[in-house]
Amino acid sequence: MRKSKHTQIYSKERQSGFGVKAQFFLAIVFSFVLWFVNERAYSQACCSGGVPLGGSLGLGTAERKSIQFLVTYDFNAINDLMDGSRRLSDDTRSRTTHSSILEINYGLTSRFSIAGVFPLIRQERDINAYAGARDFTATQGLGDVAMLFKIRVLNPEKKSDWEGVVGAGPKFPTGRTTFTNNLGLALPADLQPGSGSWDGLFWSFFQKRNVSHPNLSIMGVATMRITGENKNYNQTQVYQFGNEFQFNLGGNYSAYLQWPLDIFAWFRYRNQAEDFIDGSAFPGSGGQWVYFIPGVNIHFLDNLSFRLSGDIPLYRQLNGTQLTTSYRITLSLSYNLPLHNESLIFN
C-alpha cells in the first residue's frame, strides 16, 4: 500500500509537532527529577510512610490510546503542635515534607485506563534543644509506588454534563523503611519514606458541568487506603499505619485571561485511624482534618496546563499530641500525549 504525498507531509508535520512538545515536557520532567536527586542526602531520615494521597491520583481517565503525564511538587510545612483540637505554643520543632510525584495515565479504551504513581520524598526535621543546640535530620528516597485501574462509569458522550470514574489498585512497599539516627537507632515509622506494607487504594471522581452557568461545575474526589502490615519494623516488630479516607468537594469556574484558566476552590475532609504496633494502638497517631484549598489551573496549550493550589487548615481533631500541617503548597504540570491520529488515512 502506498501513502499519498499529502498524507506523508501532514503526518510528518503532526509527528514533528508531537515530538517537539514531547521533548519539551520530558525535559521538564528530567530536570525536575535531577533537581530532587541531586539535593544533599543526610545520614538520618524522616518522612511520612507511603504515597501522600493528597498530592497524587490527580488525573481522571486518559483518552483512548493517549498518555497523560502529571508532575507534582508538594511542599508541606508541618509546624503546628496540636493536643486534640487545641494548638500548643511551641517553636522548638518543625518538619517539612517535599514530595515530587510523577503520575502516568494510559488510556486502554474509551472507558478503561491504567495509572502509575511514582513518588520521591524528602523530609526535614529541625529540633531546637536547650543551650542553642540544634538537631537536624533529613532524608530522601523513593516512596511507595502505586498502580490504579480506572473505569469510566458515566459516559460524557451520552450525558455531556456528567462524568464519573472509579478506580482501585495496589500500593507496593518500594520505599525504604530502615533509616536510622546518629546513634544507629531506627527512626519512627512515620519518618520513613516507605510504609513497608502492601496497601489497597480505592478512588472515585465525579463532575457535574453547567451548574447554573455554562462555565461553572462541581467536582468531588474520594480516596481510601486500606493498609497492610510492615512485619519487619525495627527488625523485630509489626507496624501498621491507620486506614486513611479523604473526600474532596468543590467548584470550578472556567474563564479566559490571556490563556484559558480554571479557578477552583475545594474543601477536603481527611480521616486517619490510629496506627498499631505489635497489635496495640500507637499513641499520638490518627485524627480528623478539614482543609480549604483554593487554586488556579492555566491551560497554556490544548494539552499542556499548570496548576497551583494551597491547603489552609480549618479544623483539626487529633489523637493525643502531634505535629501537623500549618500550610501546604502544590504545583503541578500536566501534559497529554496522543499516540494515535485517526485523521490520517493511508492509501
C-alpha atoms as a PDB file:
ATOM      1  CA  MET A   1       0.000   0.000   0.000  1.00  0.00           C
ATOM      2  CA  ARG A   2       1.273   3.470  -0.845  1.00  0.00           C
ATOM      3  CA  LYS A   3       0.877   6.594   1.249  1.00  0.00           C
ATOM      4  CA  SER A   4      -0.127   9.757  -0.611  1.00  0.00           C
ATOM      5  CA  LYS A   5       2.309  12.663  -0.761  1.00  0.00           C
ATOM      6  CA  HIS A   6      -0.136  14.945   1.021  1.00  0.00           C
ATOM      7  CA  THR A   7      -0.679  12.422   3.794  1.00  0.00           C
ATOM      8  CA  GLN A   8       3.059  11.918   4.205  1.00  0.00           C
ATOM      9  CA  ILE A   9       3.649  15.658   4.621  1.00  0.00           C
ATOM     10  CA  TYR A  10       0.732  16.001   7.008  1.00  0.00           C
ATOM     11  CA  SER A  11       1.899  13.038   9.036  1.00  0.00           C
ATOM     12  CA  LYS A  12       5.439  14.408   9.290  1.00  0.00           C
ATOM     13  CA  GLU A  13       4.164  17.795  10.422  1.00  0.00           C
ATOM     14  CA  ARG A  14       1.972  16.241  13.074  1.00  0.00           C
ATOM     15  CA  GLN A  15       4.734  13.924  14.239  1.00  0.00           C
ATOM     16  CA  SER A  16       7.161  16.843  14.357  1.00  0.00           C
ATOM     17  CA  GLY A  17       4.728  18.876  16.439  1.00  0.00           C
ATOM     18  CA  PHE A  18       4.140  15.995  18.824  1.00  0.00           C
ATOM     19  CA  GLY A  19       7.886  15.385  19.029  1.00  0.00           C
ATOM     20  CA  VAL A  20       8.726  18.980  19.963  1.00  0.00           C
ATOM     21  CA  LYS A  21       6.019  19.083  22.620  1.00  0.00           C
ATOM     22  CA  ALA A  22       7.021  15.702  23.998  1.00  0.00           C
ATOM     23  CA  GLN A  23      10.683  16.712  24.160  1.00  0.00           C
ATOM     24  CA  PHE A  24       9.720  19.933  25.942  1.00  0.00           C
ATOM     25  CA  PHE A  25       7.690  18.088  28.557  1.00  0.00           C
ATOM     26  CA  LEU A  26      10.236  15.311  29.081  1.00  0.00           C
ATOM     27  CA  ALA A  27      12.982  17.904  29.527  1.00  0.00           C
ATOM     28  CA  ILE A  28      10.961  19.488  32.326  1.00  0.00           C
ATOM     29  CA  VAL A  29      10.371  16.100  33.960  1.00  0.00           C
ATOM     30  CA  PHE A  30      14.064  15.149  33.640  1.00  0.00           C
ATOM     31  CA  SER A  31      15.232  18.453  35.122  1.00  0.00           C
ATOM     32  CA  PHE A  32      12.672  18.139  37.908  1.00  0.00           C
ATOM     33  CA  VAL A  33      13.902  14.674  38.891  1.00  0.00           C
ATOM     34  CA  LEU A  34      17.576  15.668  38.647  1.00  0.00           C
ATOM     35  CA  TRP A  35      16.973  18.635  40.944  1.00  0.00           C
ATOM     36  CA  PHE A  36      15.452  16.343  43.541  1.00  0.00           C
ATOM     37  CA  VAL A  37      18.052  13.587  43.317  1.00  0.00           C
ATOM     38  CA  ASN A  38      20.994  15.976  43.469  1.00  0.00           C
ATOM     39  CA  GLU A  39      19.802  17.514  46.743  1.00  0.00           C
ATOM     40  CA  ARG A  40      22.111  16.601  49.579  1.00  0.00           C
ATOM     41  CA  ALA A  41      21.198  13.280  51.262  1.00  0.00           C
ATOM     42  CA  TYR A  42      21.783  13.128  55.008  1.00  0.00           C
ATOM     43  CA  SER A  43      22.516  10.047  57.082  1.00  0.00           C
ATOM     44  CA  GLN A  44      19.342  10.403  59.128  1.00  0.00           C
ATOM     45  CA  ALA A  45      15.812  10.365  57.820  1.00  0.00           C
ATOM     46  CA  CYS A  46      12.278  11.476  58.407  1.00  0.00           C
ATOM     47  CA  CYS A  47       9.316  11.006  56.178  1.00  0.00           C
ATOM     48  CA  SER A  48       5.653  10.033  56.027  1.00  0.00           C
ATOM     49  CA  GLY A  49       5.109   6.419  55.096  1.00  0.00           C
ATOM     50  CA  GLY A  50       3.802   5.707  51.633  1.00  0.00           C
ATOM     51  CA  VAL A  51       2.273   7.794  48.883  1.00  0.00           C
ATOM     52  CA  PRO A  52       0.994  11.220  50.050  1.00  0.00           C
ATOM     53  CA  LEU A  53      -2.587  10.802  48.821  1.00  0.00           C
ATOM     54  CA  GLY A  54      -3.428  14.492  48.964  1.00  0.00           C
ATOM     55  CA  GLY A  55      -0.925  15.256  46.198  1.00  0.00           C
ATOM     56  CA  SER A  56      -1.368  12.243  43.992  1.00  0.00           C
ATOM     57  CA  LEU A  57      -4.038  10.498  41.954  1.00  0.00           C
ATOM     58  CA  GLY A  58      -4.800  13.823  40.324  1.00  0.00           C
ATOM     59  CA  LEU A  59      -5.735  12.591  36.850  1.00  0.00           C
ATOM     60  CA  GLY A  60      -9.073  11.310  35.625  1.00  0.00           C
ATOM     61  CA  THR A  61      -9.098   8.861  32.720  1.00  0.00           C
ATOM     62  CA  ALA A  62      -6.905   9.293  29.672  1.00  0.00           C
ATOM     63  CA  GLU A  63      -8.478   9.275  26.231  1.00  0.00           C
ATOM     64  CA  ARG A  64      -8.128   6.075  24.221  1.00  0.00           C
ATOM     65  CA  LYS A  65      -4.540   5.435  23.054  1.00  0.00           C
ATOM     66  CA  SER A  66      -3.127   8.506  24.776  1.00  0.00           C
ATOM     67  CA  ILE A  67      -0.790   9.068  27.719  1.00  0.00           C
ATOM     68  CA  GLN A  68      -1.268  11.709  30.405  1.00  0.00           C
ATOM     69  CA  PHE A  69       1.665  12.902  32.496  1.00  0.00           C
ATOM     70  CA  LEU A  70       1.225  14.758  35.768  1.00  0.00           C
ATOM     71  CA  VAL A  71       4.306  16.077  37.577  1.00  0.00           C
ATOM     72  CA  THR A  72       3.564  17.404  41.066  1.00  0.00           C
ATOM     73  CA  TYR A  73       5.711  19.163  43.652  1.00  0.00           C
ATOM     74  CA  ASP A  74       4.118  19.263  47.092  1.00  0.00           C
ATOM     75  CA  PHE A  75       5.533  21.392  49.930  1.00  0.00           C
ATOM     76  CA  ASN A  76       4.070  20.529  53.333  1.00  0.00           C
ATOM     77  CA  ALA A  77       5.029  22.731  56.314  1.00  0.00           C
ATOM     78  CA  ILE A  78       4.353  20.719  59.488  1.00  0.00           C
ATOM     79  CA  ASN A  79       4.881  23.230  62.293  1.00  0.00           C
ATOM     80  CA  ASP A  80       1.689  23.262  64.397  1.00  0.00           C
ATOM     81  CA  LEU A  81       1.810  21.257  67.630  1.00  0.00           C
ATOM     82  CA  MET A  82      -1.718  20.129  68.478  1.00  0.00           C
ATOM     83  CA  ASP A  83      -3.168  18.420  71.535  1.00  0.00           C
ATOM     84  CA  GLY A  84      -6.559  17.209  70.397  1.00  0.00           C
ATOM     85  CA  SER A  85      -8.125  20.325  68.869  1.00  0.00           C
ATOM     86  CA  ARG A  86      -6.003  22.760  70.889  1.00  0.00           C
ATOM     87  CA  ARG A  87      -2.919  24.329  69.375  1.00  0.00           C
ATOM     88  CA  LEU A  88       0.061  24.490  71.735  1.00  0.00           C
ATOM     89  CA  SER A  89       2.632  27.268  71.798  1.00  0.00           C
ATOM     90  CA  ASP A  90       5.851  25.590  70.697  1.00  0.00           C
ATOM     91  CA  ASP A  91       8.560  26.867  68.358  1.00  0.00           C
ATOM     92  CA  THR A  92      11.247  24.326  69.222  1.00  0.00           C
ATOM     93  CA  ARG A  93      10.447  21.828  66.488  1.00  0.00           C
ATOM     94  CA  SER A  94       9.324  21.810  62.877  1.00  0.00           C
ATOM     95  CA  ARG A  95       9.095  19.439  59.942  1.00  0.00           C
ATOM     96  CA  THR A  96       8.973  19.955  56.201  1.00  0.00           C
ATOM     97  CA  THR A  97       7.992  17.423  53.552  1.00  0.00           C
ATOM     98  CA  HIS A  98       8.981  17.794  49.894  1.00  0.00           C
ATOM     99  CA  SER A  99       7.095  15.329  47.681  1.00  0.00           C
ATOM    100  CA  SER A 100       7.880  15.039  43.975  1.00  0.00           C
ATOM    101  CA  ILE A 101       5.315  12.823  42.282  1.00  0.00           C
ATOM    102  CA  LEU A 102       5.100  11.568  38.707  1.00  0.00           C
ATOM    103  CA  GLU A 103       1.739  10.124  37.674  1.00  0.00           C
ATOM    104  CA  ILE A 104       1.368   8.419  34.287  1.00  0.00           C
ATOM    105  CA  ASN A 105      -2.103   7.588  32.983  1.00  0.00           C
ATOM    106  CA  TYR A 106      -2.644   5.496  29.831  1.00  0.00           C
ATOM    107  CA  GLY A 107      -5.995   5.122  28.080  1.00  0.00           C
ATOM    108  CA  LEU A 108      -6.558   1.480  27.151  1.00  0.00           C
ATOM    109  CA  THR A 109     -10.017   2.116  25.680  1.00  0.00           C
ATOM    110  CA  SER A 110     -12.582   4.900  25.820  1.00  0.00           C
ATOM    111  CA  ARG A 111     -13.675   3.578  29.242  1.00  0.00           C
ATOM    112  CA  PHE A 112     -10.650   1.881  30.785  1.00  0.00           C
ATOM    113  CA  SER A 113      -7.297   3.350  31.780  1.00  0.00           C
ATOM    114  CA  ILE A 114      -4.344   2.424  33.980  1.00  0.00           C
ATOM    115  CA  ALA A 115      -2.277   4.803  36.116  1.00  0.00           C
ATOM    116  CA  GLY A 116       1.060   4.557  37.900  1.00  0.00           C
ATOM    117  CA  VAL A 117       2.204   6.869  40.719  1.00  0.00           C
ATOM    118  CA  PHE A 118       5.937   7.251  41.403  1.00  0.00           C
ATOM    119  CA  PRO A 119       6.841   9.460  44.411  1.00  0.00           C
ATOM    120  CA  LEU A 120      10.199  10.819  45.508  1.00  0.00           C
ATOM    121  CA  ILE A 121      10.051  12.065  49.082  1.00  0.00           C
ATOM    122  CA  ARG A 122      12.375  14.267  51.108  1.00  0.00           C
ATOM    123  CA  GLN A 123      11.708  15.125  54.733  1.00  0.00           C
ATOM    124  CA  GLU A 124      13.457  17.535  57.047  1.00  0.00           C
ATOM    125  CA  ARG A 125      13.054  17.718  60.814  1.00  0.00           C
ATOM    126  CA  ASP A 126      14.533  20.527  62.903  1.00  0.00           C
ATOM    127  CA  ILE A 127      14.595  20.496  66.721  1.00  0.00           C
ATOM    128  CA  ASN A 128      15.991  23.403  68.746  1.00  0.00           C
ATOM    129  CA  ALA A 129      17.213  21.912  72.016  1.00  0.00           C
ATOM    130  CA  TYR A 130      18.491  23.618  75.168  1.00  0.00           C
ATOM    131  CA  ALA A 131      21.504  25.961  75.195  1.00  0.00           C
ATOM    132  CA  GLY A 132      21.176  26.661  71.490  1.00  0.00           C
ATOM    133  CA  ALA A 133      21.800  23.061  70.427  1.00  0.00           C
ATOM    134  CA  ARG A 134      20.172  22.036  67.154  1.00  0.00           C
ATOM    135  CA  ASP A 135      19.181  18.572  65.983  1.00  0.00           C
ATOM    136  CA  PHE A 136      18.573  18.465  62.224  1.00  0.00           C
ATOM    137  CA  THR A 137      17.715  15.255  60.416  1.00  0.00           C
ATOM    138  CA  ALA A 138      16.794  14.785  56.783  1.00  0.00           C
ATOM    139  CA  THR A 139      16.436  12.044  54.224  1.00  0.00           C
ATOM    140  CA  GLN A 140      15.087  11.421  50.778  1.00  0.00           C
ATOM    141  CA  GLY A 141      14.285   8.483  48.584  1.00  0.00           C
ATOM    142  CA  LEU A 142      11.715   6.640  46.541  1.00  0.00           C
ATOM    143  CA  GLY A 143       8.358   6.342  48.254  1.00  0.00           C
ATOM    144  CA  ASP A 144       5.774   3.621  47.781  1.00  0.00           C
ATOM    145  CA  VAL A 145       4.792   3.172  44.136  1.00  0.00           C
ATOM    146  CA  ALA A 146       1.073   2.747  43.416  1.00  0.00           C
ATOM    147  CA  MET A 147      -0.947   1.437  40.477  1.00  0.00           C
ATOM    148  CA  LEU A 148      -4.580   2.164  39.769  1.00  0.00           C
ATOM    149  CA  PHE A 149      -7.023   0.616  37.286  1.00  0.00           C
ATOM    150  CA  LYS A 150      -9.792   3.072  36.345  1.00  0.00           C
ATOM    151  CA  ILE A 151     -13.150   2.694  34.641  1.00  0.00           C
ATOM    152  CA  ARG A 152     -15.443   5.457  33.403  1.00  0.00           C
ATOM    153  CA  VAL A 153     -18.893   4.649  34.796  1.00  0.00           C
ATOM    154  CA  LEU A 154     -20.654   7.681  33.300  1.00  0.00           C
ATOM    155  CA  ASN A 155     -20.196   8.285  29.594  1.00  0.00           C
ATOM    156  CA  PRO A 156     -19.881  12.053  28.888  1.00  0.00           C
ATOM    157  CA  GLU A 157     -20.859  11.407  25.254  1.00  0.00           C
ATOM    158  CA  LYS A 158     -24.271  10.174  26.401  1.00  0.00           C
ATOM    159  CA  LYS A 159     -24.579  12.527  29.387  1.00  0.00           C
ATOM    160  CA  SER A 160     -22.500  15.525  28.379  1.00  0.00           C
ATOM    161  CA  ASP A 161     -22.908  17.317  31.711  1.00  0.00           C
ATOM    162  CA  TRP A 162     -21.813  14.377  33.856  1.00  0.00           C
ATOM    163  CA  GLU A 163     -18.594  12.450  34.302  1.00  0.00           C
ATOM    164  CA  GLY A 164     -17.853   9.665  36.760  1.00  0.00           C
ATOM    165  CA  VAL A 165     -14.774   7.488  37.206  1.00  0.00           C
ATOM    166  CA  VAL A 166     -13.877   4.818  39.774  1.00  0.00           C
ATOM    167  CA  GLY A 167     -10.590   3.022  40.319  1.00  0.00           C
ATOM    168  CA  ALA A 168      -8.743   0.571  42.528  1.00  0.00           C
ATOM    169  CA  GLY A 169      -5.279  -0.896  42.794  1.00  0.00           C
ATOM    170  CA  PRO A 170      -2.316  -1.810  44.989  1.00  0.00           C
ATOM    171  CA  LYS A 171       0.353   0.264  46.682  1.00  0.00           C
ATOM    172  CA  PHE A 172       3.682  -1.528  46.686  1.00  0.00           C
ATOM    173  CA  PRO A 173       6.236  -1.405  49.562  1.00  0.00           C
ATOM    174  CA  THR A 174       9.007   0.102  47.427  1.00  0.00           C
ATOM    175  CA  GLY A 175      10.027   2.860  49.849  1.00  0.00           C
ATOM    176  CA  ARG A 176      12.849   2.360  52.309  1.00  0.00           C
ATOM    177  CA  THR A 177      11.891   1.803  55.971  1.00  0.00           C
ATOM    178  CA  THR A 178      15.299   1.289  57.625  1.00  0.00           C
ATOM    179  CA  PHE A 179      16.720   4.791  58.121  1.00  0.00           C
ATOM    180  CA  THR A 180      18.421   5.373  61.493  1.00  0.00           C
ATOM    181  CA  ASN A 181      19.625   8.337  63.539  1.00  0.00           C
ATOM    182  CA  ASN A 182      23.179   9.235  64.570  1.00  0.00           C
ATOM    183  CA  LEU A 183      23.125   6.585  67.286  1.00  0.00           C
ATOM    184  CA  GLY A 184      22.104   3.852  64.879  1.00  0.00           C
ATOM    185  CA  LEU A 185      18.563   3.648  66.254  1.00  0.00           C
ATOM    186  CA  ALA A 186      15.695   3.221  63.811  1.00  0.00           C
ATOM    187  CA  LEU A 187      13.633   6.336  63.213  1.00  0.00           C
ATOM    188  CA  PRO A 188       9.863   6.145  63.822  1.00  0.00           C
ATOM    189  CA  ALA A 189       7.739   4.580  61.095  1.00  0.00           C
ATOM    190  CA  ASP A 190       6.120   7.884  60.117  1.00  0.00           C
ATOM    191  CA  LEU A 191       9.568   9.357  59.383  1.00  0.00           C
ATOM    192  CA  GLN A 192      10.474   6.714  56.795  1.00  0.00           C
ATOM    193  CA  PRO A 193       9.962   7.219  53.029  1.00  0.00           C
ATOM    194  CA  GLY A 194       8.000   3.969  52.746  1.00  0.00           C
ATOM    195  CA  SER A 195       5.394   2.125  54.769  1.00  0.00           C
ATOM    196  CA  GLY A 196       6.810  -1.377  54.349  1.00  0.00           C
ATOM    197  CA  SER A 197       3.329  -2.741  53.644  1.00  0.00           C
ATOM    198  CA  TRP A 198       1.111  -3.740  50.757  1.00  0.00           C
ATOM    199  CA  ASP A 199      -1.944  -1.465  50.762  1.00  0.00           C
ATOM    200  CA  GLY A 200      -5.164  -1.289  48.781  1.00  0.00           C
ATOM    201  CA  LEU A 201      -6.210   2.002  47.150  1.00  0.00           C
ATOM    202  CA  PHE A 202      -9.767   2.905  46.152  1.00  0.00           C
ATOM    203  CA  TRP A 203     -10.555   6.092  44.241  1.00  0.00           C
ATOM    204  CA  SER A 204     -13.569   7.816  42.682  1.00  0.00           C
ATOM    205  CA  PHE A 205     -14.176  11.055  40.792  1.00  0.00           C
ATOM    206  CA  PHE A 206     -17.338  12.810  39.624  1.00  0.00           C
ATOM    207  CA  GLN A 207     -18.060  16.088  37.867  1.00  0.00           C
ATOM    208  CA  LYS A 208     -21.270  17.942  37.038  1.00  0.00           C
ATOM    209  CA  ARG A 209     -20.924  20.673  34.426  1.00  0.00           C
ATOM    210  CA  ASN A 210     -23.234  23.596  33.599  1.00  0.00           C
ATOM    211  CA  VAL A 211     -24.314  24.198  37.185  1.00  0.00           C
ATOM    212  CA  SER A 212     -26.471  27.351  36.939  1.00  0.00           C
ATOM    213  CA  HIS A 213     -23.877  28.717  34.488  1.00  0.00           C
ATOM    214  CA  PRO A 214     -22.117  27.211  31.432  1.00  0.00           C
ATOM    215  CA  ASN A 215     -18.690  27.927  32.954  1.00  0.00           C
ATOM    216  CA  LEU A 216     -19.427  26.541  36.416  1.00  0.00           C
ATOM    217  CA  SER A 217     -19.041  22.925  37.516  1.00  0.00           C
ATOM    218  CA  ILE A 218     -18.871  20.976  40.762  1.00  0.00           C
ATOM    219  CA  MET A 219     -16.474  18.100  41.400  1.00  0.00           C
ATOM    220  CA  GLY A 220     -15.810  15.510  44.042  1.00  0.00           C
ATOM    221  CA  VAL A 221     -12.932  13.099  44.652  1.00  0.00           C
ATOM    222  CA  ALA A 222     -12.860  10.330  47.269  1.00  0.00           C
ATOM    223  CA  THR A 223      -9.779   8.263  48.113  1.00  0.00           C
ATOM    224  CA  MET A 224      -9.390   5.433  50.592  1.00  0.00           C
ATOM    225  CA  ARG A 225      -6.326   3.454  51.604  1.00  0.00           C
ATOM    226  CA  ILE A 226      -6.671   0.104  53.372  1.00  0.00           C
ATOM    227  CA  THR A 227      -3.308  -0.557  54.964  1.00  0.00           C
ATOM    228  CA  GLY A 228      -1.374  -3.763  55.476  1.00  0.00           C
ATOM    229  CA  GLU A 229       1.360  -4.594  57.975  1.00  0.00           C
ATOM    230  CA  ASN A 230       5.079  -3.949  57.962  1.00  0.00           C
ATOM    231  CA  LYS A 231       6.243  -7.190  59.560  1.00  0.00           C
ATOM    232  CA  ASN A 232       9.882  -6.117  59.733  1.00  0.00           C
ATOM    233  CA  TYR A 233       9.628  -2.785  61.528  1.00  0.00           C
ATOM    234  CA  ASN A 234      12.784  -2.208  63.554  1.00  0.00           C
ATOM    235  CA  GLN A 235      13.653  -5.799  62.540  1.00  0.00           C
ATOM    236  CA  THR A 236      11.566  -7.318  65.336  1.00  0.00           C
ATOM    237  CA  GLN A 237       8.172  -5.554  65.401  1.00  0.00           C
ATOM    238  CA  VAL A 238       4.995  -5.333  63.338  1.00  0.00           C
ATOM    239  CA  TYR A 239       3.764  -1.832  62.451  1.00  0.00           C
ATOM    240  CA  GLN A 240       0.534  -0.888  60.690  1.00  0.00           C
ATOM    241  CA  PHE A 241      -0.482   2.608  59.639  1.00  0.00           C
ATOM    242  CA  GLY A 242      -4.123   3.510  60.197  1.00  0.00           C
ATOM    243  CA  ASN A 243      -6.572   3.306  57.314  1.00  0.00           C
ATOM    244  CA  GLU A 244      -6.991   6.669  55.577  1.00  0.00           C
ATOM    245  CA  PHE A 245     -10.028   8.278  53.939  1.00  0.00           C
ATOM    246  CA  GLN A 246     -10.167  11.592  52.071  1.00  0.00           C
ATOM    247  CA  PHE A 247     -13.108  13.346  50.441  1.00  0.00           C
ATOM    248  CA  ASN A 248     -12.753  16.498  48.331  1.00  0.00           C
ATOM    249  CA  LEU A 249     -15.724  18.583  47.207  1.00  0.00           C
ATOM    250  CA  GLY A 250     -15.561  21.880  45.363  1.00  0.00           C
ATOM    251  CA  GLY A 251     -16.410  24.087  42.447  1.00  0.00           C
ATOM    252  CA  ASN A 252     -14.620  25.125  39.276  1.00  0.00           C
ATOM    253  CA  TYR A 253     -15.162  28.246  37.154  1.00  0.00           C
ATOM    254  CA  SER A 254     -13.722  28.473  33.633  1.00  0.00           C
ATOM    255  CA  ALA A 255     -12.523  31.864  32.388  1.00  0.00           C
ATOM    256  CA  TYR A 256     -10.118  33.414  29.899  1.00  0.00           C
ATOM    257  CA  LEU A 257      -7.298  35.847  30.797  1.00  0.00           C
ATOM    258  CA  GLN A 258      -4.691  35.674  28.017  1.00  0.00           C
ATOM    259  CA  TRP A 259      -4.932  31.880  28.427  1.00  0.00           C
ATOM    260  CA  PRO A 260      -7.900  29.679  29.301  1.00  0.00           C
ATOM    261  CA  LEU A 261      -7.912  29.027  33.033  1.00  0.00           C
ATOM    262  CA  ASP A 262      -9.930  27.351  35.743  1.00  0.00           C
ATOM    263  CA  ILE A 263     -10.419  28.971  39.139  1.00  0.00           C
ATOM    264  CA  PHE A 264     -11.350  26.406  41.761  1.00  0.00           C
ATOM    265  CA  ALA A 265     -11.952  26.007  45.476  1.00  0.00           C
ATOM    266  CA  TRP A 266     -12.161  22.729  47.388  1.00  0.00           C
ATOM    267  CA  PHE A 267     -12.951  21.515  50.858  1.00  0.00           C
ATOM    268  CA  ARG A 268     -11.039  18.417  51.896  1.00  0.00           C
ATOM    269  CA  TYR A 269     -12.014  16.133  54.758  1.00  0.00           C
ATOM    270  CA  ARG A 270      -9.350  13.661  55.905  1.00  0.00           C
ATOM    271  CA  ASN A 271      -9.716  10.897  58.458  1.00  0.00           C
ATOM    272  CA  GLN A 272      -6.879   8.616  59.508  1.00  0.00           C
ATOM    273  CA  ALA A 273      -7.272   5.830  62.052  1.00  0.00           C
ATOM    274  CA  GLU A 274      -4.716   5.160  64.771  1.00  0.00           C
ATOM    275  CA  ASP A 275      -1.542   3.276  63.929  1.00  0.00           C
ATOM    276  CA  PHE A 276      -0.837  -0.093  65.541  1.00  0.00           C
ATOM    277  CA  ILE A 277       2.444  -1.576  66.742  1.00  0.00           C
ATOM    278  CA  ASP A 278       2.504  -5.255  67.716  1.00  0.00           C
ATOM    279  CA  GLY A 279      -1.291  -5.198  67.887  1.00  0.00           C
ATOM    280  CA  SER A 280      -1.581  -2.204  70.241  1.00  0.00           C
ATOM    281  CA  ALA A 281      -2.665   1.326  69.332  1.00  0.00           C
ATOM    282  CA  PHE A 282       0.278   3.673  68.860  1.00  0.00           C
ATOM    283  CA  PRO A 283      -0.201   6.873  70.939  1.00  0.00           C
ATOM    284  CA  GLY A 284      -0.198  10.216  69.167  1.00  0.00           C
ATOM    285  CA  SER A 285      -1.415   8.951  65.793  1.00  0.00           C
ATOM    286  CA  GLY A 286      -4.550   9.434  63.711  1.00  0.00           C
ATOM    287  CA  GLY A 287      -7.177  12.142  63.691  1.00  0.00           C
ATOM    288  CA  GLN A 288      -9.529  14.244  61.570  1.00  0.00           C
ATOM    289  CA  TRP A 289      -8.771  17.295  59.437  1.00  0.00           C
ATOM    290  CA  VAL A 290     -10.695  19.769  57.267  1.00  0.00           C
ATOM    291  CA  TYR A 291      -8.842  21.982  54.764  1.00  0.00           C
ATOM    292  CA  PHE A 292      -9.829  24.784  52.415  1.00  0.00           C
ATOM    293  CA  ILE A 293      -7.970  24.562  49.082  1.00  0.00           C
ATOM    294  CA  PRO A 294      -8.099  27.479  46.607  1.00  0.00           C
ATOM    295  CA  GLY A 295      -6.227  27.271  43.326  1.00  0.00           C
ATOM    296  CA  VAL A 296      -5.931  28.022  39.632  1.00  0.00           C
ATOM    297  CA  ASN A 297      -5.313  25.837  36.589  1.00  0.00           C
ATOM    298  CA  ILE A 298      -3.844  27.571  33.492  1.00  0.00           C
ATOM    299  CA  HIS A 299      -4.066  25.928  30.044  1.00  0.00           C
ATOM    300  CA  PHE A 300      -1.046  27.163  28.081  1.00  0.00           C
ATOM    301  CA  LEU A 301      -1.789  24.729  25.233  1.00  0.00           C
ATOM    302  CA  ASP A 302      -4.605  22.326  24.457  1.00  0.00           C
ATOM    303  CA  ASN A 303      -2.598  19.528  26.046  1.00  0.00           C
ATOM    304  CA  LEU A 304      -0.339  21.414  28.488  1.00  0.00           C
ATOM    305  CA  SER A 305      -1.524  23.009  31.735  1.00  0.00           C
ATOM    306  CA  PHE A 306      -0.124  24.305  35.024  1.00  0.00           C
ATOM    307  CA  ARG A 307      -1.865  24.157  38.395  1.00  0.00           C
ATOM    308  CA  LEU A 308      -1.192  25.983  41.662  1.00  0.00           C
ATOM    309  CA  SER A 309      -3.086  25.340  44.893  1.00  0.00           C
ATOM    310  CA  GLY A 310      -2.690  25.709  48.645  1.00  0.00           C
ATOM    311  CA  ASP A 311      -4.093  23.905  51.695  1.00  0.00           C
ATOM    312  CA  ILE A 312      -5.339  26.024  54.605  1.00  0.00           C
ATOM    313  CA  PRO A 313      -6.361  24.101  57.761  1.00  0.00           C
ATOM    314  CA  LEU A 314      -9.847  24.902  59.068  1.00  0.00           C
ATOM    315  CA  TYR A 315     -10.426  22.142  61.605  1.00  0.00           C
ATOM    316  CA  ARG A 316      -8.160  19.618  63.343  1.00  0.00           C
ATOM    317  CA  GLN A 317      -9.064  16.995  65.916  1.00  0.00           C
ATOM    318  CA  LEU A 318      -6.048  14.779  66.603  1.00  0.00           C
ATOM    319  CA  ASN A 319      -5.488  11.783  68.842  1.00  0.00           C
ATOM    320  CA  GLY A 320      -3.073  12.921  71.526  1.00  0.00           C
ATOM    321  CA  THR A 321      -0.272  15.401  70.879  1.00  0.00           C
ATOM    322  CA  GLN A 322       1.047  15.638  67.311  1.00  0.00           C
ATOM    323  CA  LEU A 323       2.804  17.951  64.893  1.00  0.00           C
ATOM    324  CA  THR A 324       0.514  18.678  61.965  1.00  0.00           C
ATOM    325  CA  THR A 325       0.284  20.757  58.796  1.00  0.00           C
ATOM    326  CA  SER A 326       0.454  24.557  59.087  1.00  0.00           C
ATOM    327  CA  TYR A 327       0.036  25.107  55.342  1.00  0.00           C
ATOM    328  CA  ARG A 328       0.673  23.282  52.114  1.00  0.00           C
ATOM    329  CA  ILE A 329       1.525  24.416  48.574  1.00  0.00           C
ATOM    330  CA  THR A 330       1.157  22.220  45.490  1.00  0.00           C
ATOM    331  CA  LEU A 331       2.478  22.882  41.970  1.00  0.00           C
ATOM    332  CA  SER A 332       1.518  20.596  39.080  1.00  0.00           C
ATOM    333  CA  LEU A 333       2.295  20.365  35.376  1.00  0.00           C
ATOM    334  CA  SER A 334       0.156  18.092  33.199  1.00  0.00           C
ATOM    335  CA  TYR A 335       0.686  17.032  29.605  1.00  0.00           C
ATOM    336  CA  ASN A 336      -1.423  14.865  27.301  1.00  0.00           C
ATOM    337  CA  LEU A 337       0.330  12.957  24.508  1.00  0.00           C
ATOM    338  CA  PRO A 338      -1.887  11.321  21.843  1.00  0.00           C
ATOM    339  CA  LEU A 339      -0.382   8.124  20.467  1.00  0.00           C
ATOM    340  CA  HIS A 340      -2.726   7.752  17.511  1.00  0.00           C
ATOM    341  CA  ASN A 341      -4.147  10.043  14.856  1.00  0.00           C
ATOM    342  CA  GLU A 342      -7.445   8.968  13.409  1.00  0.00           C
ATOM    343  CA  SER A 343      -7.297  11.827  10.872  1.00  0.00           C
ATOM    344  CA  LEU A 344      -4.509  10.131   8.925  1.00  0.00           C
ATOM    345  CA  ILE A 345      -5.744   7.962   6.074  1.00  0.00           C
ATOM    346  CA  PHE A 346      -3.263   5.691   4.354  1.00  0.00           C
ATOM    347  CA  ASN A 347      -3.766   4.776   0.711  1.00  0.00           C
END
